[in-house]
Amino acid sequence: MKISVDLTLSPLQDNYESHIIDFIKTLRASKFTVLENPLSTQIYGDYDTLMPFLTKVIKRTFKLQDMSVLTIKLVKTDRSDYEANF
């Protein structure tokens, strides 16, 4: 089953930018399709391979930060080719 995941990482500390950059670079280095915008990062792939990958990345990211909020939205389809037609 293909999924789309929207992620917004918000480290609650000074020096937050480096943590966000590291998180995004880790996602980019994966085999999954990754799209970014100024407010969030989207990653697309098969549920059974993407979710274990995200679990590892999130755990690693949380271990490197004192306090952080990660907002996640999951959609049951691959929306990586979406283009607004209005």
C-alpha atoms as a PDB file:
ATOM      1  CA  MET A   1       0.000   0.000   0.000  1.00  0.00           C
ATOM      2  CA  LYS A   2       1.397   3.383  -1.022  1.00  0.00           C
ATOM      3  CA  ILE A   3       1.330   6.267   1.450  1.00  0.00           C
ATOM      4  CA  SER A   4       2.173   9.955   1.630  1.00  0.00           C
ATOM      5  CA  VAL A   5       3.596  11.342   4.871  1.00  0.00           C
ATOM      6  CA  ASP A   6       3.767  15.044   5.736  1.00  0.00           C
ATOM      7  CA  LEU A   7       6.335  15.867   8.436  1.00  0.00           C
ATOM      8  CA  THR A   8       6.987  19.090  10.339  1.00  0.00           C
ATOM      9  CA  LEU A   9       9.864  19.024  12.828  1.00  0.00           C
ATOM     10  CA  SER A  10       9.903  21.770  15.470  1.00  0.00           C
ATOM     11  CA  PRO A  11      12.864  21.535  17.856  1.00  0.00           C
ATOM     12  CA  LEU A  12      12.086  23.513  21.015  1.00  0.00           C
ATOM     13  CA  GLN A  13      15.557  24.869  21.623  1.00  0.00           C
ATOM     14  CA  ASP A  14      18.119  27.337  20.375  1.00  0.00           C
ATOM     15  CA  ASN A  15      20.152  26.053  17.442  1.00  0.00           C
ATOM     16  CA  TYR A  16      17.013  24.515  15.949  1.00  0.00           C
ATOM     17  CA  GLU A  17      18.002  25.025  12.297  1.00  0.00           C
ATOM     18  CA  SER A  18      20.832  22.495  12.328  1.00  0.00           C
ATOM     19  CA  HIS A  19      18.485  19.808  13.673  1.00  0.00           C
ATOM     20  CA  ILE A  20      15.904  20.481  10.966  1.00  0.00           C
ATOM     21  CA  ILE A  21      18.553  20.459   8.242  1.00  0.00           C
ATOM     22  CA  ASP A  22      19.983  17.156   9.520  1.00  0.00           C
ATOM     23  CA  PHE A  23      16.490  15.606   9.621  1.00  0.00           C
ATOM     24  CA  ILE A  24      15.720  16.682   6.038  1.00  0.00           C
ATOM     25  CA  LYS A  25      19.125  15.534   4.739  1.00  0.00           C
ATOM     26  CA  THR A  26      18.506  12.099   6.276  1.00  0.00           C
ATOM     27  CA  LEU A  27      15.149  11.882   4.496  1.00  0.00           C
ATOM     28  CA  ARG A  28      16.718  13.047   1.209  1.00  0.00           C
ATOM     29  CA  ALA A  29      19.396  10.340   1.426  1.00  0.00           C
ATOM     30  CA  SER A  30      16.755   7.604   1.521  1.00  0.00           C
ATOM     31  CA  LYS A  31      15.400   5.617  -1.419  1.00  0.00           C
ATOM     32  CA  PHE A  32      12.010   7.317  -1.030  1.00  0.00           C
ATOM     33  CA  THR A  33      10.591  10.273  -2.950  1.00  0.00           C
ATOM     34  CA  VAL A  34      11.002  13.425  -0.836  1.00  0.00           C
ATOM     35  CA  LEU A  35       9.440  16.822  -1.590  1.00  0.00           C
ATOM     36  CA  GLU A  36       9.910  19.947   0.500  1.00  0.00           C
ATOM     37  CA  ASN A  37       8.186  23.259   0.971  1.00  0.00           C
ATOM     38  CA  PRO A  38       8.821  26.068   3.471  1.00  0.00           C
ATOM     39  CA  LEU A  39       6.485  24.580   6.101  1.00  0.00           C
ATOM     40  CA  SER A  40       6.952  20.810   5.877  1.00  0.00           C
ATOM     41  CA  THR A  41       8.574  17.881   4.143  1.00  0.00           C
ATOM     42  CA  GLN A  42       6.677  15.118   2.382  1.00  0.00           C
ATOM     43  CA  ILE A  43       7.959  11.598   1.866  1.00  0.00           C
ATOM     44  CA  TYR A  44       6.268   8.938  -0.275  1.00  0.00           C
ATOM     45  CA  GLY A  45       6.580   5.181  -0.510  1.00  0.00           C
ATOM     46  CA  ASP A  46       5.273   1.767   0.422  1.00  0.00           C
ATOM     47  CA  TYR A  47       3.826   1.613   3.948  1.00  0.00           C
ATOM     48  CA  ASP A  48       5.736  -1.534   4.961  1.00  0.00           C
ATOM     49  CA  THR A  49       9.131  -0.057   4.069  1.00  0.00           C
ATOM     50  CA  LEU A  50       8.544   3.640   4.756  1.00  0.00           C
ATOM     51  CA  MET A  51       7.167   3.352   8.294  1.00  0.00           C
ATOM     52  CA  PRO A  52      10.109   1.342   9.730  1.00  0.00           C
ATOM     53  CA  PHE A  53      12.487   3.824   8.084  1.00  0.00           C
ATOM     54  CA  LEU A  54      10.636   6.772   9.642  1.00  0.00           C
ATOM     55  CA  THR A  55      10.612   5.076  13.053  1.00  0.00           C
ATOM     56  CA  LYS A  56      14.427   4.842  12.987  1.00  0.00           C
ATOM     57  CA  VAL A  57      14.894   8.405  11.720  1.00  0.00           C
ATOM     58  CA  ILE A  58      12.492   9.860  14.281  1.00  0.00           C
ATOM     59  CA  LYS A  59      14.115   7.967  17.149  1.00  0.00           C
ATOM     60  CA  ARG A  60      17.578   9.125  16.072  1.00  0.00           C
ATOM     61  CA  THR A  61      16.369  12.713  15.733  1.00  0.00           C
ATOM     62  CA  PHE A  62      14.700  12.717  19.148  1.00  0.00           C
ATOM     63  CA  LYS A  63      17.835  11.304  20.797  1.00  0.00           C
ATOM     64  CA  LEU A  64      19.844  14.246  19.436  1.00  0.00           C
ATOM     65  CA  GLN A  65      17.477  16.911  20.786  1.00  0.00           C
ATOM     66  CA  ASP A  66      16.447  17.979  24.266  1.00  0.00           C
ATOM     67  CA  MET A  67      12.828  18.660  23.319  1.00  0.00           C
ATOM     68  CA  SER A  68      11.053  18.560  19.987  1.00  0.00           C
ATOM     69  CA  VAL A  69       7.636  18.353  18.378  1.00  0.00           C
ATOM     70  CA  LEU A  70       7.090  16.307  15.230  1.00  0.00           C
ATOM     71  CA  THR A  71       3.768  16.703  13.463  1.00  0.00           C
ATOM     72  CA  ILE A  72       2.898  13.820  11.125  1.00  0.00           C
ATOM     73  CA  LYS A  73       0.051  13.462   8.646  1.00  0.00           C
ATOM     74  CA  LEU A  74      -0.500  10.180   6.812  1.00  0.00           C
ATOM     75  CA  VAL A  75      -2.495   9.773   3.610  1.00  0.00           C
ATOM     76  CA  LYS A  76      -3.338   6.358   2.181  1.00  0.00           C
ATOM     77  CA  THR A  77      -2.170   7.032  -1.373  1.00  0.00           C
ATOM     78  CA  ASP A  78       0.894   8.331  -3.177  1.00  0.00           C
ATOM     79  CA  ARG A  79       0.266  12.058  -3.759  1.00  0.00           C
ATOM     80  CA  SER A  80       3.798  12.843  -4.998  1.00  0.00           C
ATOM     81  CA  ASP A  81       2.549  13.714  -8.483  1.00  0.00           C
ATOM     82  CA  TYR A  82      -0.194  16.106  -7.290  1.00  0.00           C
ATOM     83  CA  GLU A  83      -0.427  19.379  -9.169  1.00  0.00           C
ATOM     84  CA  ALA A  84      -3.010  22.039  -8.452  1.00  0.00           C
ATOM     85  CA  ASN A  85      -5.254  22.597 -11.479  1.00  0.00           C
ATOM     86  CA  PHE A  86      -6.866  25.874 -10.500  1.00  0.00           C
END
